[in-house]
Amino acid sequence: MASSLEGAASRAGNHPAVEKGARLGYASSGVVHLLLGWLAVQLAWGSSSQDADQTGALEQLAENPVGAVLLWVVVLGFVLLGVWQAAEAVVSRETKDRIKAAAKAVGYLALAATAFRVATGSGGGDSNEQASSITATIMENPLGRIAVGIGGLVVVGVGVYHVVKGWKRTFLEDLRSHPPRGVELAGRVGYVAKGVALGVLGVLFVVAAVQHDPETAGGMDAALAALLDLPAGPVILTAVGLGIAAYGVYSFGRARYAKV
């Protein structure tokens, strides 16, 4: 049974349509991160009319006819990338690789669902409100605060992982060949910037757990907004926003050079 499942997953993952779809998914990620970076820069200088998160980026994409069509391409790309990652989760031999691929599959399929809701006009929802609501529900349980705190620490760990991956350039191991220098630089800057944002996001959940205040938790928009409270906050947030946009540039390069 297990071998037949692995065989089916391997055939699905190696199907040309899925492989090309995975590359389309990386390009879709590039679009979202470019727009997210732009929203972060706007937030830094008080000119953002949308949340600086994935939903806000997708909503900005849907504001014009061409973007609305492109949004459906983004939905397809994320779905196929999620399918490919799910197949990788099944066929991978190492447990850590299975877990990593499965987590990525869930993340990409969640992005596909958000993009679908935005494309159909049903809205992606406010990430800050959703995060606070989920946190409040979890905290109603006896061990809820501990669970939220541990979850926050996990997100901080993911942020640190991104920073280290960017700094040491280990993201190059995800590619089938060495990319142009510009793509490599964009990846290095992008991973570090994304890691900083994720680290702040995780800290918000830890603080929410310690203070027993679910309103402190939030989505990416809240994490980026928190950077504004730091000394030279607008400058720091601008740098992070440009870094996130750089990750978008790297994602376009990854669409071409990724191992799929």
Protein backbone atom coordinates (compact mmCIF):
# COMPACT_ATOMS: atom_id res chain seq x y z
CA MET A 1 0.00 0.00 0.00
CA ALA A 2 2.76 2.42 1.00
CA SER A 3 4.83 1.58 -2.08
CA SER A 4 1.85 2.08 -4.39
CA LEU A 5 1.15 5.45 -2.76
CA GLU A 6 4.77 6.49 -3.20
CA GLY A 7 4.67 5.33 -6.82
CA ALA A 8 1.55 7.37 -7.52
CA ALA A 9 3.04 10.42 -5.79
CA SER A 10 6.27 10.04 -7.74
CA ARG A 11 4.40 9.85 -11.04
CA ALA A 12 2.32 12.88 -10.11
CA GLY A 13 5.34 14.89 -8.99
CA ASN A 14 7.29 14.02 -12.14
CA HIS A 15 4.44 14.77 -14.52
CA PRO A 16 5.54 17.53 -16.92
CA ALA A 17 2.40 19.56 -16.19
CA VAL A 18 3.05 19.48 -12.44
CA GLU A 19 6.74 20.29 -12.89
CA LYS A 20 5.93 23.27 -15.11
CA GLY A 21 3.18 24.20 -12.66
CA ALA A 22 5.68 24.18 -9.79
CA ARG A 23 7.82 26.68 -11.68
CA LEU A 24 4.70 28.76 -12.30
CA GLY A 25 4.08 28.62 -8.56
CA TYR A 26 7.53 30.03 -7.80
CA ALA A 27 6.83 32.82 -10.30
CA SER A 28 3.50 33.43 -8.54
CA SER A 29 5.40 33.71 -5.27
CA GLY A 30 7.60 36.29 -6.97
CA VAL A 31 4.56 38.39 -7.91
CA VAL A 32 3.17 38.25 -4.36
CA HIS A 33 6.48 39.14 -2.71
CA LEU A 34 7.13 42.04 -5.07
CA LEU A 35 3.74 43.51 -4.22
CA LEU A 36 4.16 42.73 -0.51
CA GLY A 37 7.49 44.53 -0.51
CA TRP A 38 5.89 47.55 -2.18
CA LEU A 39 3.08 47.58 0.42
CA ALA A 40 5.66 47.42 3.22
CA VAL A 41 7.49 50.45 1.80
CA GLN A 42 4.17 52.31 1.54
CA LEU A 43 3.36 51.35 5.14
CA ALA A 44 6.74 52.69 6.23
CA TRP A 45 5.86 56.16 4.94
CA GLY A 46 2.16 56.18 5.78
CA SER A 47 0.79 55.84 2.26
CA SER A 48 -0.51 52.26 2.28
CA SER A 49 -4.25 51.79 1.72
CA GLN A 50 -4.10 48.00 2.13
CA ASP A 51 -2.70 45.56 4.66
CA ALA A 52 0.96 44.73 4.09
CA ASP A 53 0.40 40.98 3.88
CA GLN A 54 -0.24 38.33 1.26
CA THR A 55 -3.96 39.17 1.10
CA GLY A 56 -3.23 42.87 0.60
CA ALA A 57 -0.77 42.02 -2.16
CA LEU A 58 -3.33 39.84 -3.93
CA GLU A 59 -6.03 42.47 -3.54
CA GLN A 60 -3.75 45.07 -5.09
CA LEU A 61 -3.12 42.71 -7.98
CA ALA A 62 -6.89 42.37 -8.53
CA GLU A 63 -7.44 46.14 -8.79
CA ASN A 64 -6.95 46.27 -12.57
CA PRO A 65 -8.30 44.03 -15.39
CA VAL A 66 -4.88 42.61 -16.34
CA GLY A 67 -4.08 41.89 -12.71
CA ALA A 68 -7.44 40.19 -12.22
CA VAL A 69 -6.60 37.77 -15.03
CA LEU A 70 -3.08 37.27 -13.67
CA LEU A 71 -4.61 36.47 -10.28
CA TRP A 72 -6.15 33.29 -11.71
CA VAL A 73 -2.72 32.32 -13.03
CA VAL A 74 -1.38 32.85 -9.49
CA VAL A 75 -4.12 30.57 -8.11
CA LEU A 76 -3.17 27.83 -10.58
CA GLY A 77 0.53 28.25 -9.86
CA PHE A 78 0.11 27.92 -6.10
CA VAL A 79 -2.18 24.89 -6.48
CA LEU A 80 0.30 23.04 -8.70
CA LEU A 81 3.26 24.01 -6.50
CA GLY A 82 1.32 22.73 -3.50
CA VAL A 83 0.59 19.46 -5.31
CA TRP A 84 4.27 19.07 -6.21
CA GLN A 85 5.34 19.70 -2.61
CA ALA A 86 2.74 17.19 -1.39
CA ALA A 87 4.20 14.60 -3.77
CA GLU A 88 7.67 15.41 -2.43
CA ALA A 89 6.40 14.87 1.12
CA VAL A 90 5.31 11.35 0.17
CA VAL A 91 8.40 10.24 -1.75
CA SER A 92 11.08 11.87 0.43
CA ARG A 93 13.12 9.38 2.47
CA GLU A 94 14.19 11.60 5.34
CA THR A 95 11.57 12.47 7.98
CA LYS A 96 12.70 16.10 8.15
CA ASP A 97 12.35 16.41 4.38
CA ARG A 98 8.85 14.94 4.55
CA ILE A 99 7.83 17.41 7.25
CA LYS A 100 9.35 20.36 5.41
CA ALA A 101 7.68 19.45 2.12
CA ALA A 102 4.32 18.82 3.81
CA ALA A 103 4.47 22.19 5.58
CA LYS A 104 5.29 23.92 2.31
CA ALA A 105 2.42 22.10 0.57
CA VAL A 106 -0.03 23.35 3.21
CA GLY A 107 1.37 26.87 2.93
CA TYR A 108 1.13 27.04 -0.86
CA LEU A 109 -2.36 25.53 -0.93
CA ALA A 110 -3.43 28.06 1.72
CA LEU A 111 -2.08 30.84 -0.51
CA ALA A 112 -3.99 29.33 -3.43
CA ALA A 113 -7.19 29.40 -1.35
CA THR A 114 -6.59 33.04 -0.37
CA ALA A 115 -5.90 34.00 -3.97
CA PHE A 116 -9.07 32.15 -5.06
CA ARG A 117 -11.19 34.07 -2.53
CA VAL A 118 -9.73 37.37 -3.70
CA ALA A 119 -10.23 36.41 -7.37
CA THR A 120 -13.87 35.50 -6.78
CA GLY A 121 -14.53 38.66 -4.77
CA SER A 122 -15.24 36.87 -1.51
CA GLY A 123 -12.27 38.55 0.17
CA GLY A 124 -9.19 37.12 1.79
CA GLY A 125 -10.01 38.37 5.26
CA ASP A 126 -8.03 40.52 7.67
CA SER A 127 -4.94 38.54 8.69
CA ASN A 128 -4.56 40.47 11.95
CA GLU A 129 -8.15 39.82 13.00
CA GLN A 130 -7.90 36.18 11.98
CA ALA A 131 -4.68 35.69 13.94
CA SER A 132 -6.13 37.38 17.04
CA SER A 133 -9.34 35.35 16.80
CA ILE A 134 -7.50 32.03 16.43
CA THR A 135 -5.14 32.96 19.28
CA ALA A 136 -8.07 33.86 21.54
CA THR A 137 -9.76 30.53 20.78
CA ILE A 138 -6.59 28.58 21.58
CA MET A 139 -6.07 30.52 24.81
CA GLU A 140 -9.49 29.44 26.04
CA ASN A 141 -8.02 25.98 26.62
CA PRO A 142 -6.05 25.18 29.81
CA LEU A 143 -2.73 24.86 27.99
CA GLY A 144 -3.61 27.42 25.34
CA ARG A 145 -1.08 30.04 26.42
CA ILE A 146 1.71 27.47 26.33
CA ALA A 147 0.63 26.30 22.87
CA VAL A 148 0.57 29.88 21.54
CA GLY A 149 3.98 30.58 23.09
CA ILE A 150 5.49 27.43 21.59
CA GLY A 151 3.92 28.27 18.23
CA GLY A 152 5.47 31.73 18.40
CA LEU A 153 8.89 30.26 19.20
CA VAL A 154 8.55 27.91 16.22
CA VAL A 155 7.84 30.88 13.94
CA VAL A 156 10.86 32.70 15.41
CA GLY A 157 12.91 29.59 14.66
CA VAL A 158 11.67 29.60 11.06
CA GLY A 159 12.68 33.26 10.83
CA VAL A 160 16.17 32.49 12.13
CA TYR A 161 16.38 29.61 9.65
CA HIS A 162 15.59 32.02 6.79
CA VAL A 163 18.21 34.52 7.97
CA VAL A 164 20.89 31.82 8.23
CA LYS A 165 19.86 30.32 4.88
CA GLY A 166 20.23 33.71 3.25
CA TRP A 167 23.45 34.66 4.99
CA LYS A 168 25.17 31.33 4.26
CA ARG A 169 23.62 31.12 0.78
CA THR A 170 22.44 27.55 1.37
CA PHE A 171 19.35 28.38 -0.70
CA LEU A 172 21.59 27.69 -3.70
CA GLU A 173 21.21 23.99 -2.85
CA ASP A 174 17.56 24.27 -3.93
CA LEU A 175 18.64 25.15 -7.47
CA ARG A 176 19.79 22.80 -10.24
CA SER A 177 22.55 25.18 -11.38
CA HIS A 178 24.21 28.34 -10.17
CA PRO A 179 22.02 31.34 -11.04
CA PRO A 180 23.25 34.73 -12.28
CA ARG A 181 24.91 36.89 -9.64
CA GLY A 182 21.90 39.23 -9.47
CA VAL A 183 19.54 36.36 -8.62
CA GLU A 184 21.95 35.07 -5.98
CA LEU A 185 22.22 38.52 -4.38
CA ALA A 186 18.43 38.94 -4.44
CA GLY A 187 18.05 35.55 -2.76
CA ARG A 188 20.55 36.37 -0.05
CA VAL A 189 18.96 39.74 0.75
CA GLY A 190 15.45 38.35 0.38
CA TYR A 191 15.88 35.41 2.74
CA VAL A 192 17.37 37.63 5.43
CA ALA A 193 14.59 40.22 5.14
CA LYS A 194 11.86 37.58 5.13
CA GLY A 195 13.48 35.96 8.16
CA VAL A 196 13.40 39.26 10.06
CA ALA A 197 9.69 39.69 9.29
CA LEU A 198 8.89 36.13 10.38
CA GLY A 199 10.96 36.57 13.53
CA VAL A 200 8.95 39.65 14.53
CA LEU A 201 5.73 37.79 13.74
CA GLY A 202 6.75 34.98 16.07
CA VAL A 203 7.68 37.42 18.83
CA LEU A 204 4.16 38.92 18.67
CA PHE A 205 2.68 35.49 19.42
CA VAL A 206 5.12 34.92 22.29
CA VAL A 207 4.22 38.32 23.77
CA ALA A 208 0.52 37.50 23.36
CA ALA A 209 1.05 34.28 25.32
CA VAL A 210 3.08 35.94 28.09
CA GLN A 211 0.66 38.85 28.50
CA HIS A 212 -2.44 36.70 27.96
CA ASP A 213 -3.54 39.20 25.33
CA PRO A 214 -4.61 37.65 22.00
CA GLU A 215 -4.97 41.13 20.48
CA THR A 216 -1.17 41.41 20.56
CA ALA A 217 -0.90 38.58 18.04
CA GLY A 218 -1.35 39.44 14.39
CA GLY A 219 -0.49 38.62 10.81
CA MET A 220 2.34 39.82 8.63
CA ASP A 221 0.86 43.32 8.50
CA ALA A 222 1.09 43.58 12.30
CA ALA A 223 4.65 42.24 12.26
CA LEU A 224 5.79 44.82 9.71
CA ALA A 225 3.91 47.60 11.51
CA ALA A 226 5.73 46.64 14.73
CA LEU A 227 9.01 47.57 13.07
CA LEU A 228 7.76 51.16 12.87
CA ASP A 229 7.93 51.38 16.67
CA LEU A 230 11.69 50.89 16.59
CA PRO A 231 14.12 53.83 16.41
CA ALA A 232 14.38 54.83 12.73
CA GLY A 233 11.38 52.56 12.18
CA PRO A 234 10.46 53.85 8.69
CA VAL A 235 14.01 53.31 7.48
CA ILE A 236 14.15 49.79 8.94
CA LEU A 237 10.75 48.88 7.50
CA THR A 238 11.75 50.28 4.11
CA ALA A 239 14.87 48.10 4.14
CA VAL A 240 12.81 45.03 5.07
CA GLY A 241 10.23 45.88 2.38
CA LEU A 242 12.93 46.18 -0.27
CA GLY A 243 14.37 42.90 0.99
CA ILE A 244 11.00 41.17 0.63
CA ALA A 245 10.78 42.55 -2.90
CA ALA A 246 14.27 41.13 -3.50
CA TYR A 247 12.91 37.74 -2.42
CA GLY A 248 10.31 38.20 -5.14
CA VAL A 249 13.08 38.76 -7.70
CA TYR A 250 14.81 35.61 -6.45
CA SER A 251 11.54 33.68 -6.77
CA PHE A 252 11.43 34.52 -10.47
CA GLY A 253 14.96 33.19 -10.77
CA ARG A 254 13.96 30.12 -8.80
CA ALA A 255 11.13 29.52 -11.26
CA ARG A 256 13.82 28.91 -13.87
CA TYR A 257 16.59 27.27 -11.87
CA ALA A 258 14.73 25.28 -9.18
CA LYS A 259 15.15 21.53 -8.84
CA VAL A 260 11.75 20.13 -9.83
